[in-house]
Amino acid sequence: MLRRLRRQKRSRRAVWKARAAGHASALGALDQALLRLLRTRAHLAPAEAAMKALGLSGEYGAVWIAIGASAAAADPPRRSRWLAAALVAPSAIVVNFAVKRTVGRQRPVITEHPALAKAPSKLSFPSAHATSSLAAATALARVEPRARRPLLLLAAAICVGRPYLGMHYPSDVVAGAALGTVLGSIAPLPPERPQPAPTASQPPPGS
């Protein structure tokens, strides 16, 4: 009886492993198909130039640091919050690299369609551009919620550019975006300064 139960348990475990392997294989095939689609479709010269420019702007979180620094200069009462939110981008890259080293996934290779940009390492998962972009966009939007939509649109454009340029699998980007959103949500920011109460205007003379 005990042996039969053990055999049944091993059999169920084998079925679960086979199902998991099947799902992983299907997801891997979808990942490859989406990568090839993005790398080979809509590659007109202006589109490629725009995606390359977005990729360069996202290197080391440069565009997000620039946005945060510009906002800090224009908004002195919230300067410390803007600067802290801008620094979330390079901080997120440090966390991203630690995860990359742990996972060790290599960048995609499509022999007949090589990548259209260069990267400082061969590690791919998760995408540092996606992590830093979503982290910074989320943190900056915490400072100014009205800017959330344009910030997220810029982050999304940078994310789409990674598989478009052949630099990352789509799953690298999805994982990087998820990690960045979490980091941007929990990053500590200086407290909001209370705004001084408006002083009552003096009544005009003779009133």
Protein backbone atom coordinates (compact mmCIF):
# COMPACT_ATOMS: atom_id res chain seq x y z
CA MET A 1 0.00 0.00 0.00
CA LEU A 2 2.77 2.42 0.97
CA ARG A 3 4.74 1.61 -2.20
CA ARG A 4 1.68 2.21 -4.35
CA LEU A 5 1.11 5.62 -2.72
CA ARG A 6 4.73 6.54 -3.33
CA ARG A 7 4.47 5.51 -6.99
CA GLN A 8 1.31 7.58 -7.39
CA LYS A 9 3.02 10.59 -5.78
CA ARG A 10 6.00 10.23 -8.12
CA SER A 11 3.63 9.87 -11.06
CA ARG A 12 1.72 13.04 -10.14
CA ARG A 13 5.02 14.90 -9.69
CA ALA A 14 6.14 13.79 -13.16
CA VAL A 15 2.85 15.03 -14.65
CA TRP A 16 3.24 18.42 -12.93
CA LYS A 17 6.82 18.73 -14.17
CA ALA A 18 5.77 17.84 -17.72
CA ARG A 19 2.97 20.41 -17.64
CA ALA A 20 5.32 23.09 -16.27
CA ALA A 21 7.87 22.27 -18.96
CA GLY A 22 5.16 22.50 -21.60
CA HIS A 23 3.99 25.89 -20.36
CA ALA A 24 7.59 27.16 -20.20
CA SER A 25 8.21 25.95 -23.75
CA ALA A 26 5.06 27.68 -25.02
CA LEU A 27 6.00 30.93 -23.28
CA GLY A 28 9.53 30.68 -24.68
CA ALA A 29 8.19 30.22 -28.20
CA LEU A 30 5.87 33.22 -27.76
CA ASP A 31 8.80 35.28 -26.45
CA GLN A 32 10.87 34.40 -29.52
CA ALA A 33 7.99 35.12 -31.89
CA LEU A 34 7.30 38.54 -30.38
CA LEU A 35 11.00 39.40 -30.43
CA ARG A 36 11.29 38.49 -34.12
CA LEU A 37 8.10 40.42 -34.93
CA LEU A 38 9.34 43.60 -33.23
CA ARG A 39 12.84 43.26 -34.66
CA THR A 40 11.71 42.79 -38.25
CA ARG A 41 8.52 44.87 -38.66
CA ALA A 42 8.05 48.64 -39.06
CA HIS A 43 11.78 49.28 -39.37
CA LEU A 44 11.64 52.48 -41.38
CA ALA A 45 14.62 54.78 -40.98
CA PRO A 46 12.78 57.44 -38.89
CA ALA A 47 11.37 54.81 -36.53
CA GLU A 48 14.77 53.19 -36.03
CA ALA A 49 16.36 56.58 -35.40
CA ALA A 50 13.71 57.45 -32.81
CA MET A 51 14.11 54.13 -30.99
CA LYS A 52 17.89 54.43 -30.99
CA ALA A 53 17.59 57.94 -29.54
CA LEU A 54 15.22 56.72 -26.84
CA GLY A 55 17.63 53.89 -26.02
CA LEU A 56 20.52 56.29 -25.66
CA SER A 57 18.46 58.64 -23.50
CA GLY A 58 17.63 55.76 -21.18
CA GLU A 59 21.25 54.69 -20.66
CA TYR A 60 22.07 54.84 -16.95
CA GLY A 61 18.76 56.65 -16.40
CA ALA A 62 20.09 59.82 -18.06
CA VAL A 63 16.75 61.13 -19.34
CA TRP A 64 15.11 60.61 -15.94
CA ILE A 65 17.90 62.39 -14.12
CA ALA A 66 17.53 65.28 -16.57
CA ILE A 67 13.76 65.43 -16.05
CA GLY A 68 14.10 65.37 -12.28
CA ALA A 69 16.86 68.00 -12.26
CA SER A 70 14.86 70.30 -14.57
CA ALA A 71 11.75 69.95 -12.42
CA ALA A 72 13.81 70.63 -9.30
CA ALA A 73 15.15 73.86 -10.80
CA ALA A 74 11.64 74.99 -11.77
CA ASP A 75 9.96 73.96 -8.51
CA PRO A 76 12.11 75.05 -5.51
CA PRO A 77 9.54 74.10 -2.82
CA ARG A 78 9.70 70.44 -3.96
CA ARG A 79 13.34 70.45 -5.08
CA SER A 80 14.48 67.72 -2.68
CA ARG A 81 11.59 65.45 -3.72
CA TRP A 82 12.31 65.89 -7.43
CA LEU A 83 16.01 65.17 -6.96
CA ALA A 84 15.33 62.11 -4.81
CA ALA A 85 12.88 60.79 -7.42
CA ALA A 86 15.44 61.36 -10.19
CA LEU A 87 18.05 59.33 -8.30
CA VAL A 88 15.67 56.36 -8.23
CA ALA A 89 16.69 55.61 -11.86
CA PRO A 90 20.41 54.89 -11.24
CA SER A 91 19.56 53.17 -7.96
CA ALA A 92 17.16 50.87 -9.80
CA ILE A 93 19.93 49.97 -12.27
CA VAL A 94 22.09 48.74 -9.37
CA VAL A 95 19.27 46.49 -8.16
CA ASN A 96 18.63 45.36 -11.73
CA PHE A 97 22.25 44.32 -12.23
CA ALA A 98 22.17 42.23 -9.06
CA VAL A 99 19.14 40.37 -10.41
CA LYS A 100 20.80 39.99 -13.82
CA ARG A 101 23.88 38.43 -12.24
CA THR A 102 21.68 36.00 -10.33
CA VAL A 103 19.59 34.95 -13.35
CA GLY A 104 22.40 34.98 -15.92
CA ARG A 105 20.21 35.01 -19.03
CA GLN A 106 22.07 35.99 -22.20
CA ARG A 107 20.86 38.57 -24.69
CA PRO A 108 18.89 37.35 -27.71
CA VAL A 109 20.63 36.61 -30.98
CA ILE A 110 18.88 36.69 -34.35
CA THR A 111 21.68 35.88 -36.78
CA GLU A 112 20.12 37.47 -39.86
CA HIS A 113 18.92 40.49 -37.87
CA PRO A 114 21.64 41.57 -35.41
CA ALA A 115 20.92 44.04 -32.61
CA LEU A 116 20.88 47.69 -33.61
CA ALA A 117 22.57 48.99 -30.45
CA LYS A 118 25.33 48.09 -28.01
CA ALA A 119 25.15 47.21 -24.33
CA PRO A 120 27.68 47.23 -21.47
CA SER A 121 27.04 43.55 -20.67
CA LYS A 122 25.69 40.40 -22.29
CA LEU A 123 23.15 39.85 -19.50
CA SER A 124 19.55 40.28 -20.53
CA PHE A 125 17.01 39.52 -17.77
CA PRO A 126 15.51 41.83 -16.63
CA SER A 127 15.93 44.87 -18.88
CA ALA A 128 17.77 47.69 -17.09
CA HIS A 129 16.14 50.29 -19.35
CA ALA A 130 12.69 49.01 -18.39
CA THR A 131 13.57 48.80 -14.70
CA SER A 132 15.07 52.29 -14.45
CA SER A 133 12.38 53.88 -16.64
CA LEU A 134 9.40 52.52 -14.74
CA ALA A 135 11.10 53.13 -11.40
CA ALA A 136 11.83 56.76 -12.23
CA ALA A 137 8.48 57.43 -13.91
CA THR A 138 6.64 55.99 -10.91
CA ALA A 139 8.73 57.96 -8.41
CA LEU A 140 8.47 61.23 -10.36
CA ALA A 141 4.71 60.76 -10.67
CA ARG A 142 4.53 60.50 -6.88
CA VAL A 143 5.96 64.02 -6.74
CA GLU A 144 3.59 65.37 -9.40
CA PRO A 145 0.63 63.04 -10.10
CA ARG A 146 -0.56 65.25 -12.98
CA ALA A 147 2.59 64.25 -14.91
CA ARG A 148 1.94 60.51 -14.54
CA ARG A 149 0.60 59.94 -18.07
CA PRO A 150 3.43 61.59 -20.06
CA LEU A 151 6.03 60.02 -17.76
CA LEU A 152 4.57 56.55 -18.25
CA LEU A 153 4.23 57.09 -22.00
CA LEU A 154 7.93 57.94 -22.22
CA ALA A 155 8.81 54.90 -20.12
CA ALA A 156 6.63 52.68 -22.34
CA ALA A 157 8.31 53.99 -25.50
CA ILE A 158 11.75 53.21 -24.08
CA CYS A 159 10.55 49.73 -23.10
CA VAL A 160 9.17 48.93 -26.56
CA GLY A 161 12.46 50.04 -28.08
CA ARG A 162 14.44 47.28 -26.37
CA PRO A 163 13.04 44.29 -28.34
CA TYR A 164 12.51 46.55 -31.37
CA LEU A 165 16.29 47.09 -31.45
CA GLY A 166 16.93 43.41 -30.74
CA MET A 167 18.48 44.11 -27.35
CA HIS A 168 16.04 42.18 -25.15
CA TYR A 169 13.39 39.50 -25.20
CA PRO A 170 9.92 40.92 -24.49
CA SER A 171 9.87 38.95 -21.23
CA ASP A 172 13.02 40.82 -20.14
CA VAL A 173 11.12 44.07 -20.59
CA VAL A 174 7.98 42.87 -18.79
CA ALA A 175 10.04 41.67 -15.82
CA GLY A 176 12.08 44.88 -15.77
CA ALA A 177 8.94 47.02 -15.87
CA ALA A 178 7.39 45.08 -13.00
CA LEU A 179 10.55 45.37 -10.92
CA GLY A 180 10.85 49.09 -11.70
CA THR A 181 7.24 49.79 -10.76
CA VAL A 182 7.78 48.19 -7.36
CA LEU A 183 11.04 50.06 -6.78
CA GLY A 184 9.51 53.39 -7.80
CA SER A 185 6.56 52.82 -5.49
CA ILE A 186 8.60 52.01 -2.39
CA ALA A 187 11.54 54.37 -2.91
CA PRO A 188 11.73 56.83 0.02
CA LEU A 189 11.13 60.46 -0.89
CA PRO A 190 11.48 63.51 1.37
CA PRO A 191 8.15 64.55 2.90
CA GLU A 192 6.06 67.15 1.19
CA ARG A 193 6.62 70.58 2.68
CA PRO A 194 3.45 72.19 4.00
CA GLN A 195 2.47 75.17 1.90
CA PRO A 196 2.26 78.48 3.81
CA ALA A 197 -1.28 79.66 4.41
CA PRO A 198 -2.25 82.67 2.27
CA THR A 199 -2.32 85.89 4.23
CA ALA A 200 -5.56 87.83 4.32
CA SER A 201 -5.43 90.92 2.12
CA GLN A 202 -5.72 94.24 3.88
CA PRO A 203 -8.97 96.11 3.16
CA PRO A 204 -8.50 99.14 0.92
CA PRO A 205 -8.19 102.48 2.71
CA GLY A 206 -11.47 104.25 3.39
CA SER A 207 -13.55 101.10 3.21
